[in-house]
Amino acid sequence: LVSAMNRVQLLGRVGQDPIMRQVEGKNPITIFSLTINEMWWTGDSEVGEGAVLLLCTLGDISKKTTWHRIPVFRPGLRDVTYHYVMKGSQIFVEGKIDYGEYTDKNNVR
């Protein structure tokens, strides 16, 4: 029995070549951006009777672009991502959402 789940699946295009960052005292991570472009018709559609008559009023096309910052922590996957993922490639990403916490030098979250 699963009481909660944190899982996300994304299909999009890589926005920039991956970079590898080393944070002092921690393992390196690979980071890249992923863009998701959504398009849909706004308006009504009407279908006439019979197989021959098809009337469609589709309306305008609406678009939305969402950017995601993808960090890769696992050593093997991190290295493969860094060497083989390229800007413009279409990729599928599966993982979990973790917003993390940040505390500045004044101990403010």
PDB file of N, CA and C in Angstrom:
ATOM      1  N   LEU A   1       0.845  -1.188   0.000  1.00  0.00           N
ATOM      2  CA  LEU A   1       0.000   0.000   0.000  1.00  0.00           C
ATOM      3  C   LEU A   1       0.884   1.243   0.000  1.00  0.00           C
ATOM      4  N   VAL A   2       0.693   2.081  -0.986  1.00  0.00           N
ATOM      5  CA  VAL A   2       1.457   3.316  -1.103  1.00  0.00           C
ATOM      6  C   VAL A   2       0.611   4.462  -0.573  1.00  0.00           C
ATOM      7  N   SER A   3       1.141   5.187   0.415  1.00  0.00           N
ATOM      8  CA  SER A   3       0.379   6.292   0.988  1.00  0.00           C
ATOM      9  C   SER A   3       0.722   7.628   0.340  1.00  0.00           C
ATOM     10  N   ALA A   4       1.886   7.689  -0.328  1.00  0.00           N
ATOM     11  CA  ALA A   4       2.278   8.924  -0.991  1.00  0.00           C
ATOM     12  C   ALA A   4       3.302   8.590  -2.077  1.00  0.00           C
ATOM     13  N   MET A   5       3.389   9.461  -3.087  1.00  0.00           N
ATOM     14  CA  MET A   5       4.340   9.234  -4.159  1.00  0.00           C
ATOM     15  C   MET A   5       4.864  10.575  -4.664  1.00  0.00           C
ATOM     16  N   ASN A   6       6.157  10.643  -4.931  1.00  0.00           N
ATOM     17  CA  ASN A   6       6.778  11.827  -5.507  1.00  0.00           C
ATOM     18  C   ASN A   6       7.482  11.354  -6.770  1.00  0.00           C
ATOM     19  N   ARG A   7       6.808  11.478  -7.917  1.00  0.00           N
ATOM     20  CA  ARG A   7       7.342  10.988  -9.178  1.00  0.00           C
ATOM     21  C   ARG A   7       6.916  11.924 -10.300  1.00  0.00           C
ATOM     22  N   VAL A   8       7.860  12.236 -11.192  1.00  0.00           N
ATOM     23  CA  VAL A   8       7.554  13.114 -12.314  1.00  0.00           C
ATOM     24  C   VAL A   8       8.156  12.518 -13.580  1.00  0.00           C
ATOM     25  N   GLN A   9       7.453  12.671 -14.700  1.00  0.00           N
ATOM     26  CA  GLN A   9       7.931  12.238 -16.008  1.00  0.00           C
ATOM     27  C   GLN A   9       7.849  13.429 -16.954  1.00  0.00           C
ATOM     28  N   LEU A  10       8.957  13.723 -17.628  1.00  0.00           N
ATOM     29  CA  LEU A  10       9.019  14.862 -18.534  1.00  0.00           C
ATOM     30  C   LEU A  10       9.557  14.410 -19.886  1.00  0.00           C
ATOM     31  N   LEU A  11       8.966  14.913 -20.963  1.00  0.00           N
ATOM     32  CA  LEU A  11       9.458  14.682 -22.314  1.00  0.00           C
ATOM     33  C   LEU A  11       9.620  16.043 -22.948  1.00  0.00           C
ATOM     34  N   GLY A  12      10.840  16.377 -23.319  1.00  0.00           N
ATOM     35  CA  GLY A  12      11.079  17.702 -23.882  1.00  0.00           C
ATOM     36  C   GLY A  12      12.414  17.774 -24.585  1.00  0.00           C
ATOM     37  N   ARG A  13      12.840  18.980 -24.860  1.00  0.00           N
ATOM     38  CA  ARG A  13      14.110  19.217 -25.565  1.00  0.00           C
ATOM     39  C   ARG A  13      15.107  19.889 -24.623  1.00  0.00           C
ATOM     40  N   VAL A  14      16.361  19.484 -24.764  1.00  0.00           N
ATOM     41  CA  VAL A  14      17.435  20.031 -23.943  1.00  0.00           C
ATOM     42  C   VAL A  14      17.700  21.463 -24.384  1.00  0.00           C
ATOM     43  N   GLY A  15      17.694  22.393 -23.435  1.00  0.00           N
ATOM     44  CA  GLY A  15      17.848  23.809 -23.744  1.00  0.00           C
ATOM     45  C   GLY A  15      19.292  24.277 -23.803  1.00  0.00           C
ATOM     46  N   GLN A  16      20.189  23.580 -23.128  1.00  0.00           N
ATOM     47  CA  GLN A  16      21.611  23.936 -23.152  1.00  0.00           C
ATOM     48  C   GLN A  16      22.411  22.670 -22.908  1.00  0.00           C
ATOM     49  N   ASP A  17      23.640  22.639 -23.411  1.00  0.00           N
ATOM     50  CA  ASP A  17      24.505  21.496 -23.145  1.00  0.00           C
ATOM     51  C   ASP A  17      24.708  21.361 -21.643  1.00  0.00           C
ATOM     52  N   PRO A  18      24.749  20.129 -21.140  1.00  0.00           N
ATOM     53  CA  PRO A  18      24.937  19.924 -19.699  1.00  0.00           C
ATOM     54  C   PRO A  18      26.281  20.477 -19.210  1.00  0.00           C
ATOM     55  N   ILE A  19      26.272  20.941 -17.971  1.00  0.00           N
ATOM     56  CA  ILE A  19      27.502  21.377 -17.317  1.00  0.00           C
ATOM     57  C   ILE A  19      27.691  20.524 -16.064  1.00  0.00           C
ATOM     58  N   MET A  20      28.933  20.320 -15.683  1.00  0.00           N
ATOM     59  CA  MET A  20      29.214  19.572 -14.462  1.00  0.00           C
ATOM     60  C   MET A  20      29.756  20.555 -13.437  1.00  0.00           C
ATOM     61  N   ARG A  21      29.174  20.510 -12.245  1.00  0.00           N
ATOM     62  CA  ARG A  21      29.600  21.407 -11.171  1.00  0.00           C
ATOM     63  C   ARG A  21      30.097  20.593  -9.996  1.00  0.00           C
ATOM     64  N   GLN A  22      31.163  21.092  -9.420  1.00  0.00           N
ATOM     65  CA  GLN A  22      31.727  20.474  -8.219  1.00  0.00           C
ATOM     66  C   GLN A  22      31.522  21.434  -7.069  1.00  0.00           C
ATOM     67  N   VAL A  23      30.765  21.009  -6.076  1.00  0.00           N
ATOM     68  CA  VAL A  23      30.576  21.813  -4.877  1.00  0.00           C
ATOM     69  C   VAL A  23      31.574  21.310  -3.847  1.00  0.00           C
ATOM     70  N   GLU A  24      32.251  22.236  -3.196  1.00  0.00           N
ATOM     71  CA  GLU A  24      33.304  21.876  -2.260  1.00  0.00           C
ATOM     72  C   GLU A  24      32.809  20.887  -1.214  1.00  0.00           C
ATOM     73  N   GLY A  25      33.513  19.775  -1.101  1.00  0.00           N
ATOM     74  CA  GLY A  25      33.175  18.768  -0.110  1.00  0.00           C
ATOM     75  C   GLY A  25      32.035  17.848  -0.511  1.00  0.00           C
ATOM     76  N   LYS A  26      31.541  17.969  -1.735  1.00  0.00           N
ATOM     77  CA  LYS A  26      30.439  17.123  -2.181  1.00  0.00           C
ATOM     78  C   LYS A  26      30.770  16.516  -3.540  1.00  0.00           C
ATOM     79  N   ASN A  27      29.987  15.518  -3.932  1.00  0.00           N
ATOM     80  CA  ASN A  27      30.159  14.898  -5.240  1.00  0.00           C
ATOM     81  C   ASN A  27      29.723  15.859  -6.334  1.00  0.00           C
ATOM     82  N   PRO A  28      30.333  15.758  -7.527  1.00  0.00           N
ATOM     83  CA  PRO A  28      29.906  16.628  -8.626  1.00  0.00           C
ATOM     84  C   PRO A  28      28.498  16.273  -9.091  1.00  0.00           C
ATOM     85  N   ILE A  29      27.828  17.242  -9.711  1.00  0.00           N
ATOM     86  CA  ILE A  29      26.516  17.003 -10.305  1.00  0.00           C
ATOM     87  C   ILE A  29      26.530  17.553 -11.727  1.00  0.00           C
ATOM     88  N   THR A  30      25.715  16.942 -12.580  1.00  0.00           N
ATOM     89  CA  THR A  30      25.523  17.433 -13.940  1.00  0.00           C
ATOM     90  C   THR A  30      24.178  18.134 -13.986  1.00  0.00           C
ATOM     91  N   ILE A  31      24.137  19.307 -14.610  1.00  0.00           N
ATOM     92  CA  ILE A  31      22.920  20.111 -14.671  1.00  0.00           C
ATOM     93  C   ILE A  31      22.639  20.489 -16.120  1.00  0.00           C
ATOM     94  N   PHE A  32      21.369  20.388 -16.523  1.00  0.00           N
ATOM     95  CA  PHE A  32      20.955  20.881 -17.835  1.00  0.00           C
ATOM     96  C   PHE A  32      19.530  21.398 -17.737  1.00  0.00           C
ATOM     97  N   SER A  33      19.135  22.176 -18.734  1.00  0.00           N
ATOM     98  CA  SER A  33      17.768  22.686 -18.752  1.00  0.00           C
ATOM     99  C   SER A  33      16.957  21.896 -19.775  1.00  0.00           C
ATOM    100  N   LEU A  34      15.682  21.748 -19.488  1.00  0.00           N
ATOM    101  CA  LEU A  34      14.760  21.011 -20.349  1.00  0.00           C
ATOM    102  C   LEU A  34      13.551  21.892 -20.601  1.00  0.00           C
ATOM    103  N   THR A  35      13.161  22.032 -21.852  1.00  0.00           N
ATOM    104  CA  THR A  35      11.996  22.840 -22.189  1.00  0.00           C
ATOM    105  C   THR A  35      10.857  21.942 -22.660  1.00  0.00           C
ATOM    106  N   ILE A  36       9.670  22.254 -22.184  1.00  0.00           N
ATOM    107  CA  ILE A  36       8.462  21.543 -22.575  1.00  0.00           C
ATOM    108  C   ILE A  36       7.573  22.553 -23.292  1.00  0.00           C
ATOM    109  N   ASN A  37       7.264  22.296 -24.554  1.00  0.00           N
ATOM    110  CA  ASN A  37       6.388  23.176 -25.331  1.00  0.00           C
ATOM    111  C   ASN A  37       5.029  22.510 -25.488  1.00  0.00           C
ATOM    112  N   GLU A  38       3.998  23.181 -25.026  1.00  0.00           N
ATOM    113  CA  GLU A  38       2.633  22.674 -25.158  1.00  0.00           C
ATOM    114  C   GLU A  38       1.878  23.561 -26.144  1.00  0.00           C
ATOM    115  N   MET A  39       1.074  22.954 -26.998  1.00  0.00           N
ATOM    116  CA  MET A  39       0.233  23.697 -27.941  1.00  0.00           C
ATOM    117  C   MET A  39      -1.169  23.081 -27.916  1.00  0.00           C
ATOM    118  N   TRP A  40      -2.182  23.935 -27.996  1.00  0.00           N
ATOM    119  CA  TRP A  40      -3.555  23.455 -28.039  1.00  0.00           C
ATOM    120  C   TRP A  40      -4.421  24.470 -28.777  1.00  0.00           C
ATOM    121  N   TRP A  41      -5.531  23.969 -29.278  1.00  0.00           N
ATOM    122  CA  TRP A  41      -6.503  24.822 -29.971  1.00  0.00           C
ATOM    123  C   TRP A  41      -7.441  25.438 -28.954  1.00  0.00           C
ATOM    124  N   THR A  42      -7.709  26.725 -29.084  1.00  0.00           N
ATOM    125  CA  THR A  42      -8.712  27.379 -28.251  1.00  0.00           C
ATOM    126  C   THR A  42      -9.906  27.686 -29.150  1.00  0.00           C
ATOM    127  N   GLY A  43     -11.034  27.279 -28.744  1.00  0.00           N
ATOM    128  CA  GLY A  43     -12.232  27.477 -29.552  1.00  0.00           C
ATOM    129  C   GLY A  43     -13.063  26.215 -29.574  1.00  0.00           C
ATOM    130  N   ASP A  44     -14.167  26.287 -30.285  1.00  0.00           N
ATOM    131  CA  ASP A  44     -15.093  25.165 -30.357  1.00  0.00           C
ATOM    132  C   ASP A  44     -14.860  24.393 -31.643  1.00  0.00           C
ATOM    133  N   SER A  45     -15.169  23.126 -31.619  1.00  0.00           N
ATOM    134  CA  SER A  45     -15.137  22.337 -32.844  1.00  0.00           C
ATOM    135  C   SER A  45     -16.511  21.723 -33.045  1.00  0.00           C
ATOM    136  N   GLU A  46     -16.952  21.720 -34.277  1.00  0.00           N
ATOM    137  CA  GLU A  46     -18.254  21.171 -34.615  1.00  0.00           C
ATOM    138  C   GLU A  46     -18.060  20.079 -35.646  1.00  0.00           C
ATOM    139  N   VAL A  47     -18.736  18.984 -35.455  1.00  0.00           N
ATOM    140  CA  VAL A  47     -18.676  17.886 -36.410  1.00  0.00           C
ATOM    141  C   VAL A  47     -20.068  17.694 -36.977  1.00  0.00           C
ATOM    142  N   GLY A  48     -20.175  17.760 -38.319  1.00  0.00           N
ATOM    143  CA  GLY A  48     -21.463  17.591 -38.988  1.00  0.00           C
ATOM    144  C   GLY A  48     -21.891  16.130 -39.014  1.00  0.00           C
ATOM    145  N   GLU A  49     -23.112  15.891 -39.422  1.00  0.00           N
ATOM    146  CA  GLU A  49     -23.620  14.525 -39.469  1.00  0.00           C
ATOM    147  C   GLU A  49     -23.069  13.808 -40.691  1.00  0.00           C
ATOM    148  N   GLY A  50     -22.856  12.526 -40.581  1.00  0.00           N
ATOM    149  CA  GLY A  50     -22.362  11.722 -41.690  1.00  0.00           C
ATOM    150  C   GLY A  50     -20.848  11.721 -41.752  1.00  0.00           C
ATOM    151  N   ALA A  51     -20.333  10.710 -42.434  1.00  0.00           N
ATOM    152  CA  ALA A  51     -18.889  10.551 -42.521  1.00  0.00           C
ATOM    153  C   ALA A  51     -18.250  11.529 -43.495  1.00  0.00           C
ATOM    154  N   VAL A  52     -19.019  12.050 -44.453  1.00  0.00           N
ATOM    155  CA  VAL A  52     -18.456  12.902 -45.485  1.00  0.00           C
ATOM    156  C   VAL A  52     -18.333  14.341 -45.023  1.00  0.00           C
ATOM    157  N   LEU A  53     -19.296  14.829 -44.244  1.00  0.00           N
ATOM    158  CA  LEU A  53     -19.325  16.225 -43.843  1.00  0.00           C
ATOM    159  C   LEU A  53     -18.618  16.412 -42.511  1.00  0.00           C
ATOM    160  N   LEU A  54     -17.563  17.178 -42.524  1.00  0.00           N
ATOM    161  CA  LEU A  54     -16.816  17.452 -41.308  1.00  0.00           C
ATOM    162  C   LEU A  54     -16.524  18.948 -41.274  1.00  0.00           C
ATOM    163  N   LEU A  55     -17.162  19.652 -40.350  1.00  0.00           N
ATOM    164  CA  LEU A  55     -16.948  21.085 -40.195  1.00  0.00           C
ATOM    165  C   LEU A  55     -16.218  21.329 -38.883  1.00  0.00           C
ATOM    166  N   CYS A  56     -15.107  21.991 -38.956  1.00  0.00           N
ATOM    167  CA  CYS A  56     -14.342  22.265 -37.738  1.00  0.00           C
ATOM    168  C   CYS A  56     -14.035  23.747 -37.639  1.00  0.00           C
ATOM    169  N   THR A  57     -14.369  24.330 -36.526  1.00  0.00           N
ATOM    170  CA  THR A  57     -13.948  25.672 -36.193  1.00  0.00           C
ATOM    171  C   THR A  57     -12.954  25.512 -35.058  1.00  0.00           C
ATOM    172  N   LEU A  58     -11.688  25.547 -35.390  1.00  0.00           N
ATOM    173  CA  LEU A  58     -10.667  25.209 -34.404  1.00  0.00           C
ATOM    174  C   LEU A  58     -10.254  26.384 -33.542  1.00  0.00           C
ATOM    175  N   GLY A  59     -10.380  27.588 -34.045  1.00  0.00           N
ATOM    176  CA  GLY A  59      -9.986  28.746 -33.256  1.00  0.00           C
ATOM    177  C   GLY A  59      -8.500  29.022 -33.362  1.00  0.00           C
ATOM    178  N   ASP A  60      -7.933  29.628 -32.344  1.00  0.00           N
ATOM    179  CA  ASP A  60      -6.520  30.007 -32.338  1.00  0.00           C
ATOM    180  C   ASP A  60      -5.676  28.933 -31.658  1.00  0.00           C
ATOM    181  N   ILE A  61      -4.388  28.981 -31.959  1.00  0.00           N
ATOM    182  CA  ILE A  61      -3.446  28.080 -31.299  1.00  0.00           C
ATOM    183  C   ILE A  61      -2.854  28.810 -30.099  1.00  0.00           C
ATOM    184  N   SER A  62      -2.933  28.181 -28.947  1.00  0.00           N
ATOM    185  CA  SER A  62      -2.288  28.712 -27.743  1.00  0.00           C
ATOM    186  C   SER A  62      -1.024  27.908 -27.478  1.00  0.00           C
ATOM    187  N   LYS A  63      -0.004  28.587 -26.967  1.00  0.00           N
ATOM    188  CA  LYS A  63       1.273  27.938 -26.691  1.00  0.00           C
ATOM    189  C   LYS A  63       1.737  28.276 -25.285  1.00  0.00           C
ATOM    190  N   LYS A  64       2.419  27.315 -24.681  1.00  0.00           N
ATOM    191  CA  LYS A  64       3.014  27.539 -23.364  1.00  0.00           C
ATOM    192  C   LYS A  64       4.346  26.803 -23.323  1.00  0.00           C
ATOM    193  N   THR A  65       5.380  27.493 -22.873  1.00  0.00           N
ATOM    194  CA  THR A  65       6.697  26.887 -22.729  1.00  0.00           C
ATOM    195  C   THR A  65       7.064  26.874 -21.249  1.00  0.00           C
ATOM    196  N   THR A  66       7.465  25.712 -20.773  1.00  0.00           N
ATOM    197  CA  THR A  66       7.876  25.553 -19.382  1.00  0.00           C
ATOM    198  C   THR A  66       9.321  25.071 -19.361  1.00  0.00           C
ATOM    199  N   TRP A  67      10.144  25.725 -18.545  1.00  0.00           N
ATOM    200  CA  TRP A  67      11.545  25.346 -18.408  1.00  0.00           C
ATOM    201  C   TRP A  67      11.763  24.617 -17.093  1.00  0.00           C
ATOM    202  N   HIS A  68      12.597  23.587 -17.138  1.00  0.00           N
ATOM    203  CA  HIS A  68      12.947  22.814 -15.948  1.00  0.00           C
ATOM    204  C   HIS A  68      14.462  22.740 -15.835  1.00  0.00           C
ATOM    205  N   ARG A  69      14.957  22.851 -14.621  1.00  0.00           N
ATOM    206  CA  ARG A  69      16.388  22.676 -14.347  1.00  0.00           C
ATOM    207  C   ARG A  69      16.547  21.259 -13.812  1.00  0.00           C
ATOM    208  N   ILE A  70      17.320  20.448 -14.529  1.00  0.00           N
ATOM    209  CA  ILE A  70      17.456  19.035 -14.179  1.00  0.00           C
ATOM    210  C   ILE A  70      18.852  18.765 -13.627  1.00  0.00           C
ATOM    211  N   PRO A  71      18.974  18.434 -12.339  1.00  0.00           N
ATOM    212  CA  PRO A  71      20.269  18.026 -11.788  1.00  0.00           C
ATOM    213  C   PRO A  71      20.361  16.492 -11.791  1.00  0.00           C
ATOM    214  N   VAL A  72      21.530  15.969 -12.135  1.00  0.00           N
ATOM    215  CA  VAL A  72      21.751  14.511 -12.147  1.00  0.00           C
ATOM    216  C   VAL A  72      22.844  14.212 -11.127  1.00  0.00           C
ATOM    217  N   PHE A  73      22.499  13.411 -10.124  1.00  0.00           N
ATOM    218  CA  PHE A  73      23.413  13.132  -9.020  1.00  0.00           C
ATOM    219  C   PHE A  73      24.103  11.770  -9.132  1.00  0.00           C
ATOM    220  N   ARG A  74      23.419  10.760  -9.644  1.00  0.00           N
ATOM    221  CA  ARG A  74      23.948   9.390  -9.669  1.00  0.00           C
ATOM    222  C   ARG A  74      25.212   9.336 -10.540  1.00  0.00           C
ATOM    223  N   PRO A  75      26.354   8.840 -10.000  1.00  0.00           N
ATOM    224  CA  PRO A  75      27.632   8.911 -10.715  1.00  0.00           C
ATOM    225  C   PRO A  75      27.622   8.394 -12.156  1.00  0.00           C
ATOM    226  N   GLY A  76      27.147   7.200 -12.415  1.00  0.00           N
ATOM    227  CA  GLY A  76      27.147   6.668 -13.782  1.00  0.00           C
ATOM    228  C   GLY A  76      26.264   7.472 -14.714  1.00  0.00           C
ATOM    229  N   LEU A  77      25.058   7.773 -14.267  1.00  0.00           N
ATOM    230  CA  LEU A  77      24.112   8.533 -15.076  1.00  0.00           C
ATOM    231  C   LEU A  77      24.583   9.970 -15.260  1.00  0.00           C
ATOM    232  N   ARG A  78      25.185  10.521 -14.228  1.00  0.00           N
ATOM    233  CA  ARG A  78      25.721  11.884 -14.291  1.00  0.00           C
ATOM    234  C   ARG A  78      26.756  12.010 -15.407  1.00  0.00           C
ATOM    235  N   ASP A  79      27.659  11.022 -15.523  1.00  0.00           N
ATOM    236  CA  ASP A  79      28.716  11.072 -16.523  1.00  0.00           C
ATOM    237  C   ASP A  79      28.167  10.855 -17.936  1.00  0.00           C
ATOM    238  N   VAL A  80      27.252   9.913 -18.091  1.00  0.00           N
ATOM    239  CA  VAL A  80      26.628   9.666 -19.399  1.00  0.00           C
ATOM    240  C   VAL A  80      25.873  10.903 -19.866  1.00  0.00           C
ATOM    241  N   THR A  81      25.144  11.527 -18.950  1.00  0.00           N
ATOM    242  CA  THR A  81      24.410  12.751 -19.286  1.00  0.00           C
ATOM    243  C   THR A  81      25.367  13.839 -19.754  1.00  0.00           C
ATOM    244  N   TYR A  82      26.451  14.019 -19.043  1.00  0.00           N
ATOM    245  CA  TYR A  82      27.408  15.073 -19.378  1.00  0.00           C
ATOM    246  C   TYR A  82      28.034  14.860 -20.763  1.00  0.00           C
ATOM    247  N   HIS A  83      28.338  13.613 -21.109  1.00  0.00           N
ATOM    248  CA  HIS A  83      29.037  13.335 -22.360  1.00  0.00           C
ATOM    249  C   HIS A  83      28.126  13.167 -23.576  1.00  0.00           C
ATOM    250  N   TYR A  84      26.880  12.730 -23.396  1.00  0.00           N
ATOM    251  CA  TYR A  84      26.057  12.368 -24.552  1.00  0.00           C
ATOM    252  C   TYR A  84      24.803  13.209 -24.774  1.00  0.00           C
ATOM    253  N   VAL A  85      24.319  13.901 -23.769  1.00  0.00           N
ATOM    254  CA  VAL A  85      23.132  14.738 -23.948  1.00  0.00           C
ATOM    255  C   VAL A  85      23.577  16.071 -24.552  1.00  0.00           C
ATOM    256  N   MET A  86      22.865  16.507 -25.610  1.00  0.00           N
ATOM    257  CA  MET A  86      23.247  17.743 -26.295  1.00  0.00           C
ATOM    258  C   MET A  86      22.055  18.676 -26.446  1.00  0.00           C
ATOM    259  N   LYS A  87      22.339  19.959 -26.543  1.00  0.00           N
ATOM    260  CA  LYS A  87      21.308  20.966 -26.769  1.00  0.00           C
ATOM    261  C   LYS A  87      20.471  20.578 -27.987  1.00  0.00           C
ATOM    262  N   GLY A  88      19.150  20.657 -27.837  1.00  0.00           N
ATOM    263  CA  GLY A  88      18.231  20.343 -28.925  1.00  0.00           C
ATOM    264  C   GLY A  88      17.747  18.909 -28.942  1.00  0.00           C
ATOM    265  N   SER A  89      18.438  18.014 -28.224  1.00  0.00           N
ATOM    266  CA  SER A  89      18.020  16.605 -28.187  1.00  0.00           C
ATOM    267  C   SER A  89      16.685  16.471 -27.471  1.00  0.00           C
ATOM    268  N   GLN A  90      15.852  15.569 -27.970  1.00  0.00           N
ATOM    269  CA  GLN A  90      14.607  15.275 -27.270  1.00  0.00           C
ATOM    270  C   GLN A  90      14.879  14.113 -26.325  1.00  0.00           C
ATOM    271  N   ILE A  91      14.572  14.299 -25.042  1.00  0.00           N
ATOM    272  CA  ILE A  91      14.822  13.250 -24.062  1.00  0.00           C
ATOM    273  C   ILE A  91      13.640  13.096 -23.115  1.00  0.00           C
ATOM    274  N   PHE A  92      13.581  11.926 -22.505  1.00  0.00           N
ATOM    275  CA  PHE A  92      12.584  11.594 -21.490  1.00  0.00           C
ATOM    276  C   PHE A  92      13.305  11.536 -20.153  1.00  0.00           C
ATOM    277  N   VAL A  93      12.780  12.235 -19.168  1.00  0.00           N
ATOM    278  CA  VAL A  93      13.379  12.283 -17.837  1.00  0.00           C
ATOM    279  C   VAL A  93      12.347  11.794 -16.834  1.00  0.00           C
ATOM    280  N   GLU A  94      12.777  10.915 -15.956  1.00  0.00           N
ATOM    281  CA  GLU A  94      11.906  10.451 -14.881  1.00  0.00           C
ATOM    282  C   GLU A  94      12.657  10.590 -13.569  1.00  0.00           C
ATOM    283  N   GLY A  95      11.970  11.100 -12.563  1.00  0.00           N
ATOM    284  CA  GLY A  95      12.609  11.286 -11.268  1.00  0.00           C
ATOM    285  C   GLY A  95      11.622  11.787 -10.243  1.00  0.00           C
ATOM    286  N   LYS A  96      12.131  12.515  -9.264  1.00  0.00           N
ATOM    287  CA  LYS A  96      11.269  13.075  -8.235  1.00  0.00           C
ATOM    288  C   LYS A  96      11.530  14.565  -8.109  1.00  0.00           C
ATOM    289  N   ILE A  97      10.575  15.276  -7.581  1.00  0.00           N
ATOM    290  CA  ILE A  97      10.713  16.705  -7.363  1.00  0.00           C
ATOM    291  C   ILE A  97      11.244  16.924  -5.951  1.00  0.00           C
ATOM    292  N   ASP A  98      12.313  17.706  -5.859  1.00  0.00           N
ATOM    293  CA  ASP A  98      12.899  18.051  -4.570  1.00  0.00           C
ATOM    294  C   ASP A  98      13.320  19.512  -4.646  1.00  0.00           C
ATOM    295  N   TYR A  99      12.627  20.373  -3.948  1.00  0.00           N
ATOM    296  CA  TYR A  99      12.919  21.799  -3.998  1.00  0.00           C
ATOM    297  C   TYR A  99      14.082  22.195  -3.107  1.00  0.00           C
ATOM    298  N   GLY A 100      14.461  21.323  -2.186  1.00  0.00           N
ATOM    299  CA  GLY A 100      15.608  21.593  -1.332  1.00  0.00           C
ATOM    300  C   GLY A 100      15.392  22.808  -0.440  1.00  0.00           C
ATOM    301  N   GLU A 101      16.393  23.099   0.354  1.00  0.00           N
ATOM    302  CA  GLU A 101      16.357  24.260   1.232  1.00  0.00           C
ATOM    303  C   GLU A 101      17.653  25.025   1.086  1.00  0.00           C
ATOM    304  N   TYR A 102      17.558  26.332   1.222  1.00  0.00           N
ATOM    305  CA  TYR A 102      18.733  27.185   1.123  1.00  0.00           C
ATOM    306  C   TYR A 102      18.773  28.078   2.354  1.00  0.00           C
ATOM    307  N   THR A 103      19.923  28.133   2.986  1.00  0.00           N
ATOM    308  CA  THR A 103      20.131  29.026   4.125  1.00  0.00           C
ATOM    309  C   THR A 103      21.308  29.939   3.795  1.00  0.00           C
ATOM    310  N   ASP A 104      21.078  31.255   3.867  1.00  0.00           N
ATOM    311  CA  ASP A 104      22.158  32.197   3.532  1.00  0.00           C
ATOM    312  C   ASP A 104      23.108  32.363   4.712  1.00  0.00           C
ATOM    313  N   LYS A 105      24.106  33.226   4.553  1.00  0.00           N
ATOM    314  CA  LYS A 105      25.129  33.405   5.588  1.00  0.00           C
ATOM    315  C   LYS A 105      24.574  34.007   6.876  1.00  0.00           C
ATOM    316  N   ASN A 106      23.368  34.590   6.844  1.00  0.00           N
ATOM    317  CA  ASN A 106      22.724  35.137   8.035  1.00  0.00           C
ATOM    318  C   ASN A 106      21.739  34.157   8.662  1.00  0.00           C
ATOM    319  N   ASN A 107      21.804  32.898   8.250  1.00  0.00           N
ATOM    320  CA  ASN A 107      20.910  31.844   8.713  1.00  0.00           C
ATOM    321  C   ASN A 107      19.440  32.109   8.386  1.00  0.00           C
ATOM    322  N   VAL A 108      19.190  32.748   7.277  1.00  0.00           N
ATOM    323  CA  VAL A 108      17.823  32.979   6.835  1.00  0.00           C
ATOM    324  C   VAL A 108      17.492  31.966   5.761  1.00  0.00           C
ATOM    325  N   ARG A 109      16.353  31.289   5.931  1.00  0.00           N
ATOM    326  CA  ARG A 109      15.922  30.288   4.948  1.00  0.00           C
ATOM    327  C   ARG A 109      15.300  30.933   3.756  1.00  0.00           C
TER     328      ARG A 109
END
